[in-house]
């Protein structure tokens, strides 16, 4: 999944793989700052931001799985961990 999203962002084939549209700012839902997924999401966001030109990815503190799933489905967030 991560490889698919990364390749999609790199080749700008946003539509159809993930529902994110063509905006240049993306968010990864991570749950709370005290959990394991926050540093993982932050590291992943940094790699994508550094390696894929013209996008900015940030880790976002959320209420975890349910909120993340809803936001990904609506297209408000790129991925959730």
PDB file of N, CA and C in Angstrom:
ATOM      1  N   UNK A   1       0.821  -1.195   0.000  1.00  0.00           N
ATOM      2  CA  UNK A   1       0.000   0.000   0.000  1.00  0.00           C
ATOM      3  C   UNK A   1       0.864   1.258   0.000  1.00  0.00           C
ATOM      4  N   UNK A   2       1.856   1.317   0.894  1.00  0.00           N
ATOM      5  CA  UNK A   2       2.720   2.498   0.967  1.00  0.00           C
ATOM      6  C   UNK A   2       3.442   2.699  -0.359  1.00  0.00           C
ATOM      7  N   UNK A   3       3.962   1.629  -0.933  1.00  0.00           N
ATOM      8  CA  UNK A   3       4.644   1.719  -2.217  1.00  0.00           C
ATOM      9  C   UNK A   3       3.719   2.206  -3.313  1.00  0.00           C
ATOM     10  N   UNK A   4       2.484   1.739  -3.321  1.00  0.00           N
ATOM     11  CA  UNK A   4       1.508   2.159  -4.322  1.00  0.00           C
ATOM     12  C   UNK A   4       1.216   3.643  -4.197  1.00  0.00           C
ATOM     13  N   UNK A   5       0.995   4.121  -2.981  1.00  0.00           N
ATOM     14  CA  UNK A   5       0.721   5.546  -2.771  1.00  0.00           C
ATOM     15  C   UNK A   5       1.933   6.372  -3.157  1.00  0.00           C
ATOM     16  N   UNK A   6       3.128   5.938  -2.756  1.00  0.00           N
ATOM     17  CA  UNK A   6       4.349   6.671  -3.084  1.00  0.00           C
ATOM     18  C   UNK A   6       4.525   6.766  -4.599  1.00  0.00           C
ATOM     19  N   UNK A   7       4.382   5.649  -5.305  1.00  0.00           N
ATOM     20  CA  UNK A   7       4.527   5.656  -6.759  1.00  0.00           C
ATOM     21  C   UNK A   7       3.470   6.516  -7.418  1.00  0.00           C
ATOM     22  N   UNK A   8       2.272   6.489  -6.879  1.00  0.00           N
ATOM     23  CA  UNK A   8       1.200   7.304  -7.425  1.00  0.00           C
ATOM     24  C   UNK A   8       1.514   8.783  -7.250  1.00  0.00           C
ATOM     25  N   UNK A   9       1.974   9.170  -6.077  1.00  0.00           N
ATOM     26  CA  UNK A   9       2.317  10.573  -5.841  1.00  0.00           C
ATOM     27  C   UNK A   9       3.470  11.005  -6.735  1.00  0.00           C
ATOM     28  N   UNK A  10       4.449  10.141  -6.879  1.00  0.00           N
ATOM     29  CA  UNK A  10       5.619  10.471  -7.674  1.00  0.00           C
ATOM     30  C   UNK A  10       5.263  10.663  -9.148  1.00  0.00           C
ATOM     31  N   UNK A  11       4.325   9.866  -9.650  1.00  0.00           N
ATOM     32  CA  UNK A  11       3.948   9.969 -11.056  1.00  0.00           C
ATOM     33  C   UNK A  11       2.727  10.851 -11.275  1.00  0.00           C
ATOM     34  N   UNK A  12       2.186  11.419 -10.195  1.00  0.00           N
ATOM     35  CA  UNK A  12       1.033  12.322 -10.242  1.00  0.00           C
ATOM     36  C   UNK A  12      -0.222  11.653 -10.799  1.00  0.00           C
ATOM     37  N   UNK A  13      -0.411  10.376 -10.509  1.00  0.00           N
ATOM     38  CA  UNK A  13      -1.620   9.668 -10.942  1.00  0.00           C
ATOM     39  C   UNK A  13      -2.609   9.598  -9.788  1.00  0.00           C
ATOM     40  N   UNK A  14      -2.886  10.706  -9.166  1.00  0.00           N
ATOM     41  CA  UNK A  14      -3.667  10.757  -7.928  1.00  0.00           C
ATOM     42  C   UNK A  14      -5.033  10.094  -8.031  1.00  0.00           C
ATOM     43  N   UNK A  15      -5.802  10.382  -9.036  1.00  0.00           N
ATOM     44  CA  UNK A  15      -7.167   9.884  -9.140  1.00  0.00           C
ATOM     45  C   UNK A  15      -7.174   8.374  -9.352  1.00  0.00           C
ATOM     46  N   UNK A  16      -8.033   7.661  -8.638  1.00  0.00           N
ATOM     47  CA  UNK A  16      -8.203   6.232  -8.844  1.00  0.00           C
ATOM     48  C   UNK A  16      -7.436   5.356  -7.877  1.00  0.00           C
ATOM     49  N   UNK A  17      -6.283   5.789  -7.393  1.00  0.00           N
ATOM     50  CA  UNK A  17      -5.534   4.985  -6.433  1.00  0.00           C
ATOM     51  C   UNK A  17      -5.894   5.411  -5.018  1.00  0.00           C
ATOM     52  N   UNK A  18      -5.888   6.696  -4.776  1.00  0.00           N
ATOM     53  CA  UNK A  18      -6.333   7.252  -3.504  1.00  0.00           C
ATOM     54  C   UNK A  18      -7.177   8.467  -3.813  1.00  0.00           C
ATOM     55  N   UNK A  19      -8.163   8.750  -2.998  1.00  0.00           N
ATOM     56  CA  UNK A  19      -9.034   9.891  -3.233  1.00  0.00           C
ATOM     57  C   UNK A  19      -8.433  11.137  -2.611  1.00  0.00           C
ATOM     58  N   UNK A  20      -7.557  11.808  -3.313  1.00  0.00           N
ATOM     59  CA  UNK A  20      -6.940  13.005  -2.753  1.00  0.00           C
ATOM     60  C   UNK A  20      -7.055  14.209  -3.665  1.00  0.00           C
ATOM     61  N   UNK A  21      -7.487  14.039  -4.907  1.00  0.00           N
ATOM     62  CA  UNK A  21      -7.572  15.169  -5.814  1.00  0.00           C
ATOM     63  C   UNK A  21      -6.203  15.656  -6.230  1.00  0.00           C
ATOM     64  N   UNK A  22      -6.078  16.924  -6.574  1.00  0.00           N
ATOM     65  CA  UNK A  22      -4.819  17.460  -7.068  1.00  0.00           C
ATOM     66  C   UNK A  22      -4.222  18.517  -6.150  1.00  0.00           C
ATOM     67  N   UNK A  23      -4.660  18.610  -4.930  1.00  0.00           N
ATOM     68  CA  UNK A  23      -4.082  19.560  -3.989  1.00  0.00           C
ATOM     69  C   UNK A  23      -2.639  19.197  -3.700  1.00  0.00           C
ATOM     70  N   UNK A  24      -1.846  20.156  -3.233  1.00  0.00           N
ATOM     71  CA  UNK A  24      -0.440  19.902  -2.966  1.00  0.00           C
ATOM     72  C   UNK A  24      -0.154  19.626  -1.495  1.00  0.00           C
ATOM     73  N   UNK A  25      -1.125  19.764  -0.627  1.00  0.00           N
ATOM     74  CA  UNK A  25      -0.937  19.490   0.791  1.00  0.00           C
ATOM     75  C   UNK A  25      -1.750  18.260   1.171  1.00  0.00           C
ATOM     76  N   UNK A  26      -1.091  17.297   1.831  1.00  0.00           N
ATOM     77  CA  UNK A  26      -1.736  16.057   2.209  1.00  0.00           C
ATOM     78  C   UNK A  26      -1.493  15.784   3.688  1.00  0.00           C
ATOM     79  N   UNK A  27      -2.385  14.979   4.280  1.00  0.00           N
ATOM     80  CA  UNK A  27      -2.288  14.650   5.698  1.00  0.00           C
ATOM     81  C   UNK A  27      -2.372  13.144   5.887  1.00  0.00           C
ATOM     82  N   UNK A  28      -1.605  12.652   6.858  1.00  0.00           N
ATOM     83  CA  UNK A  28      -1.653  11.249   7.258  1.00  0.00           C
ATOM     84  C   UNK A  28      -2.180  11.217   8.683  1.00  0.00           C
ATOM     85  N   UNK A  29      -3.285  10.528   8.900  1.00  0.00           N
ATOM     86  CA  UNK A  29      -3.851  10.405  10.243  1.00  0.00           C
ATOM     87  C   UNK A  29      -3.049   9.429  11.071  1.00  0.00           C
ATOM     88  N   UNK A  30      -2.775   9.786  12.320  1.00  0.00           N
ATOM     89  CA  UNK A  30      -1.858   8.983  13.131  1.00  0.00           C
ATOM     90  C   UNK A  30      -2.399   8.544  14.476  1.00  0.00           C
ATOM     91  N   UNK A  31      -3.527   9.028  14.919  1.00  0.00           N
ATOM     92  CA  UNK A  31      -3.942   8.786  16.295  1.00  0.00           C
ATOM     93  C   UNK A  31      -3.265   9.807  17.198  1.00  0.00           C
ATOM     94  N   UNK A  32      -3.160   9.517  18.480  1.00  0.00           N
ATOM     95  CA  UNK A  32      -2.572  10.455  19.440  1.00  0.00           C
ATOM     96  C   UNK A  32      -1.062  10.526  19.382  1.00  0.00           C
ATOM     97  N   UNK A  33      -0.507  11.613  19.901  1.00  0.00           N
ATOM     98  CA  UNK A  33       0.943  11.814  19.896  1.00  0.00           C
ATOM     99  C   UNK A  33       1.686  10.810  20.760  1.00  0.00           C
ATOM    100  N   UNK A  34       1.024  10.209  21.723  1.00  0.00           N
ATOM    101  CA  UNK A  34       1.713   9.268  22.608  1.00  0.00           C
ATOM    102  C   UNK A  34       1.763   7.851  22.035  1.00  0.00           C
ATOM    103  N   UNK A  35       1.065   7.604  20.934  1.00  0.00           N
ATOM    104  CA  UNK A  35       1.044   6.265  20.333  1.00  0.00           C
ATOM    105  C   UNK A  35       2.188   6.040  19.358  1.00  0.00           C
ATOM    106  N   UNK A  36       2.329   4.818  18.911  1.00  0.00           N
ATOM    107  CA  UNK A  36       3.405   4.437  17.994  1.00  0.00           C
ATOM    108  C   UNK A  36       3.182   4.994  16.596  1.00  0.00           C
ATOM    109  N   UNK A  37       1.936   5.216  16.203  1.00  0.00           N
ATOM    110  CA  UNK A  37       1.663   5.632  14.830  1.00  0.00           C
ATOM    111  C   UNK A  37       1.995   7.089  14.556  1.00  0.00           C
ATOM    112  N   UNK A  38       2.061   7.918  15.570  1.00  0.00           N
ATOM    113  CA  UNK A  38       2.404   9.327  15.344  1.00  0.00           C
ATOM    114  C   UNK A  38       3.840   9.487  14.826  1.00  0.00           C
ATOM    115  N   UNK A  39       4.850   8.908  15.477  1.00  0.00           N
ATOM    116  CA  UNK A  39       6.201   9.041  14.918  1.00  0.00           C
ATOM    117  C   UNK A  39       6.349   8.324  13.570  1.00  0.00           C
ATOM    118  N   UNK A  40       5.672   7.203  13.398  1.00  0.00           N
ATOM    119  CA  UNK A  40       5.724   6.496  12.119  1.00  0.00           C
ATOM    120  C   UNK A  40       5.109   7.350  11.010  1.00  0.00           C
ATOM    121  N   UNK A  41       3.932   7.924  11.266  1.00  0.00           N
ATOM    122  CA  UNK A  41       3.285   8.792  10.282  1.00  0.00           C
ATOM    123  C   UNK A  41       4.117  10.028   9.984  1.00  0.00           C
ATOM    124  N   UNK A  42       4.765  10.585  11.011  1.00  0.00           N
ATOM    125  CA  UNK A  42       5.632  11.747  10.817  1.00  0.00           C
ATOM    126  C   UNK A  42       6.836  11.416   9.951  1.00  0.00           C
ATOM    127  N   UNK A  43       7.426  10.246  10.173  1.00  0.00           N
ATOM    128  CA  UNK A  43       8.578   9.831   9.372  1.00  0.00           C
ATOM    129  C   UNK A  43       8.162   9.572   7.931  1.00  0.00           C
ATOM    130  N   UNK A  44       7.030   8.936   7.745  1.00  0.00           N
ATOM    131  CA  UNK A  44       6.525   8.665   6.408  1.00  0.00           C
ATOM    132  C   UNK A  44       6.200   9.970   5.678  1.00  0.00           C
ATOM    133  N   UNK A  45       5.586  10.905   6.373  1.00  0.00           N
ATOM    134  CA  UNK A  45       5.280  12.212   5.790  1.00  0.00           C
ATOM    135  C   UNK A  45       6.554  12.933   5.365  1.00  0.00           C
ATOM    136  N   UNK A  46       7.584  12.844   6.177  1.00  0.00           N
ATOM    137  CA  UNK A  46       8.863  13.492   5.830  1.00  0.00           C
ATOM    138  C   UNK A  46       9.476  12.879   4.579  1.00  0.00           C
ATOM    139  N   UNK A  47       9.469  11.554   4.495  1.00  0.00           N
ATOM    140  CA  UNK A  47      10.028  10.887   3.315  1.00  0.00           C
ATOM    141  C   UNK A  47       9.270  11.308   2.065  1.00  0.00           C
ATOM    142  N   UNK A  48       7.943  11.266   2.109  1.00  0.00           N
ATOM    143  CA  UNK A  48       7.157  11.654   0.936  1.00  0.00           C
ATOM    144  C   UNK A  48       7.401  13.111   0.574  1.00  0.00           C
ATOM    145  N   UNK A  49       7.431  13.987   1.562  1.00  0.00           N
ATOM    146  CA  UNK A  49       7.651  15.413   1.288  1.00  0.00           C
ATOM    147  C   UNK A  49       9.031  15.660   0.690  1.00  0.00           C
ATOM    148  N   UNK A  50      10.019  14.926   1.187  1.00  0.00           N
ATOM    149  CA  UNK A  50      11.393  15.096   0.698  1.00  0.00           C
ATOM    150  C   UNK A  50      11.611  14.482  -0.683  1.00  0.00           C
ATOM    151  N   UNK A  51      10.944  13.376  -0.965  1.00  0.00           N
ATOM    152  CA  UNK A  51      11.228  12.609  -2.172  1.00  0.00           C
ATOM    153  C   UNK A  51      10.291  12.883  -3.344  1.00  0.00           C
ATOM    154  N   UNK A  52       9.116  13.417  -3.090  1.00  0.00           N
ATOM    155  CA  UNK A  52       8.152  13.664  -4.159  1.00  0.00           C
ATOM    156  C   UNK A  52       8.021  15.174  -4.338  1.00  0.00           C
ATOM    157  N   UNK A  53       8.416  15.636  -5.505  1.00  0.00           N
ATOM    158  CA  UNK A  53       8.397  17.091  -5.730  1.00  0.00           C
ATOM    159  C   UNK A  53       6.974  17.632  -5.757  1.00  0.00           C
ATOM    160  N   UNK A  54       6.836  18.841  -5.354  1.00  0.00           N
ATOM    161  CA  UNK A  54       5.608  19.640  -5.370  1.00  0.00           C
ATOM    162  C   UNK A  54       4.487  19.150  -4.455  1.00  0.00           C
ATOM    163  N   UNK A  55       4.808  18.325  -3.450  1.00  0.00           N
ATOM    164  CA  UNK A  55       3.798  17.987  -2.457  1.00  0.00           C
ATOM    165  C   UNK A  55       4.358  18.212  -1.056  1.00  0.00           C
ATOM    166  N   UNK A  56       3.456  18.429  -0.128  1.00  0.00           N
ATOM    167  CA  UNK A  56       3.803  18.620   1.273  1.00  0.00           C
ATOM    168  C   UNK A  56       2.892  17.704   2.088  1.00  0.00           C
ATOM    169  N   UNK A  57       3.481  16.742   2.796  1.00  0.00           N
ATOM    170  CA  UNK A  57       2.711  15.790   3.587  1.00  0.00           C
ATOM    171  C   UNK A  57       3.014  16.021   5.062  1.00  0.00           C
ATOM    172  N   UNK A  58       1.983  16.027   5.887  1.00  0.00           N
ATOM    173  CA  UNK A  58       2.140  16.220   7.328  1.00  0.00           C
ATOM    174  C   UNK A  58       1.377  15.142   8.080  1.00  0.00           C
ATOM    175  N   UNK A  59       1.917  14.752   9.230  1.00  0.00           N
ATOM    176  CA  UNK A  59       1.204  13.844  10.127  1.00  0.00           C
ATOM    177  C   UNK A  59       0.175  14.663  10.900  1.00  0.00           C
ATOM    178  N   UNK A  60      -1.014  14.103  11.064  1.00  0.00           N
ATOM    179  CA  UNK A  60      -2.097  14.805  11.767  1.00  0.00           C
ATOM    180  C   UNK A  60      -2.568  13.969  12.949  1.00  0.00           C
ATOM    181  N   UNK A  61      -2.612  14.584  14.123  1.00  0.00           N
ATOM    182  CA  UNK A  61      -3.136  13.913  15.306  1.00  0.00           C
ATOM    183  C   UNK A  61      -4.646  13.775  15.135  1.00  0.00           C
ATOM    184  N   UNK A  62      -5.144  12.547  15.309  1.00  0.00           N
ATOM    185  CA  UNK A  62      -6.573  12.289  15.151  1.00  0.00           C
ATOM    186  C   UNK A  62      -7.076  11.440  16.313  1.00  0.00           C
ATOM    187  N   UNK A  63      -8.358  11.141  16.269  1.00  0.00           N
ATOM    188  CA  UNK A  63      -8.964  10.271  17.277  1.00  0.00           C
ATOM    189  C   UNK A  63      -8.785   8.794  16.925  1.00  0.00           C
ATOM    190  N   UNK A  64      -7.914   8.493  15.997  1.00  0.00           N
ATOM    191  CA  UNK A  64      -7.503   7.138  15.600  1.00  0.00           C
ATOM    192  C   UNK A  64      -8.387   6.538  14.508  1.00  0.00           C
ATOM    193  N   UNK A  65      -8.485   5.224  14.481  1.00  0.00           N
ATOM    194  CA  UNK A  65      -8.974   4.452  13.340  1.00  0.00           C
ATOM    195  C   UNK A  65     -10.283   4.920  12.725  1.00  0.00           C
ATOM    196  N   UNK A  66     -11.309   5.103  13.511  1.00  0.00           N
ATOM    197  CA  UNK A  66     -12.615   5.463  12.948  1.00  0.00           C
ATOM    198  C   UNK A  66     -12.545   6.823  12.269  1.00  0.00           C
ATOM    199  N   UNK A  67     -12.001   7.818  12.946  1.00  0.00           N
ATOM    200  CA  UNK A  67     -11.873   9.151  12.347  1.00  0.00           C
ATOM    201  C   UNK A  67     -10.994   9.102  11.101  1.00  0.00           C
ATOM    202  N   UNK A  68      -9.893   8.381  11.154  1.00  0.00           N
ATOM    203  CA  UNK A  68      -8.987   8.282  10.008  1.00  0.00           C
ATOM    204  C   UNK A  68      -9.684   7.671   8.801  1.00  0.00           C
ATOM    205  N   UNK A  69     -10.413   6.600   9.025  1.00  0.00           N
ATOM    206  CA  UNK A  69     -11.120   5.937   7.929  1.00  0.00           C
ATOM    207  C   UNK A  69     -12.134   6.862   7.288  1.00  0.00           C
ATOM    208  N   UNK A  70     -12.868   7.592   8.086  1.00  0.00           N
ATOM    209  CA  UNK A  70     -13.852   8.547   7.565  1.00  0.00           C
ATOM    210  C   UNK A  70     -13.154   9.626   6.749  1.00  0.00           C
ATOM    211  N   UNK A  71     -12.049  10.166   7.256  1.00  0.00           N
ATOM    212  CA  UNK A  71     -11.339  11.238   6.545  1.00  0.00           C
ATOM    213  C   UNK A  71     -10.718  10.742   5.241  1.00  0.00           C
ATOM    214  N   UNK A  72     -10.190   9.522   5.221  1.00  0.00           N
ATOM    215  CA  UNK A  72      -9.625   8.971   3.987  1.00  0.00           C
ATOM    216  C   UNK A  72     -10.746   8.781   2.964  1.00  0.00           C
ATOM    217  N   UNK A  73     -11.868   8.232   3.392  1.00  0.00           N
ATOM    218  CA  UNK A  73     -12.993   8.002   2.486  1.00  0.00           C
ATOM    219  C   UNK A  73     -13.514   9.314   1.895  1.00  0.00           C
ATOM    220  N   UNK A  74     -13.564  10.383   2.701  1.00  0.00           N
ATOM    221  CA  UNK A  74     -14.028  11.695   2.220  1.00  0.00           C
ATOM    222  C   UNK A  74     -12.990  12.384   1.336  1.00  0.00           C
ATOM    223  N   UNK A  75     -11.741  11.906   1.385  1.00  0.00           N
ATOM    224  CA  UNK A  75     -10.680  12.536   0.610  1.00  0.00           C
ATOM    225  C   UNK A  75      -9.982  13.653   1.361  1.00  0.00           C
ATOM    226  N   UNK A  76     -10.230  13.765   2.670  1.00  0.00           N
ATOM    227  CA  UNK A  76      -9.605  14.809   3.490  1.00  0.00           C
ATOM    228  C   UNK A  76      -8.192  14.443   3.921  1.00  0.00           C
ATOM    229  N   UNK A  77      -7.858  13.161   3.812  1.00  0.00           N
ATOM    230  CA  UNK A  77      -6.564  12.689   4.287  1.00  0.00           C
ATOM    231  C   UNK A  77      -6.041  11.644   3.312  1.00  0.00           C
ATOM    232  N   UNK A  78      -4.729  11.573   3.194  1.00  0.00           N
ATOM    233  CA  UNK A  78      -4.087  10.656   2.257  1.00  0.00           C
ATOM    234  C   UNK A  78      -4.116   9.211   2.746  1.00  0.00           C
ATOM    235  N   UNK A  79      -3.770   8.993   3.988  1.00  0.00           N
ATOM    236  CA  UNK A  79      -3.668   7.636   4.520  1.00  0.00           C
ATOM    237  C   UNK A  79      -3.848   7.677   6.025  1.00  0.00           C
ATOM    238  N   UNK A  80      -4.020   6.514   6.617  1.00  0.00           N
ATOM    239  CA  UNK A  80      -4.098   6.461   8.072  1.00  0.00           C
ATOM    240  C   UNK A  80      -3.298   5.297   8.602  1.00  0.00           C
ATOM    241  N   UNK A  81      -2.634   5.555   9.741  1.00  0.00           N
ATOM    242  CA  UNK A  81      -1.869   4.529  10.453  1.00  0.00           C
ATOM    243  C   UNK A  81      -2.172   4.620  11.898  1.00  0.00           C
TER     244      UNK A  81
END
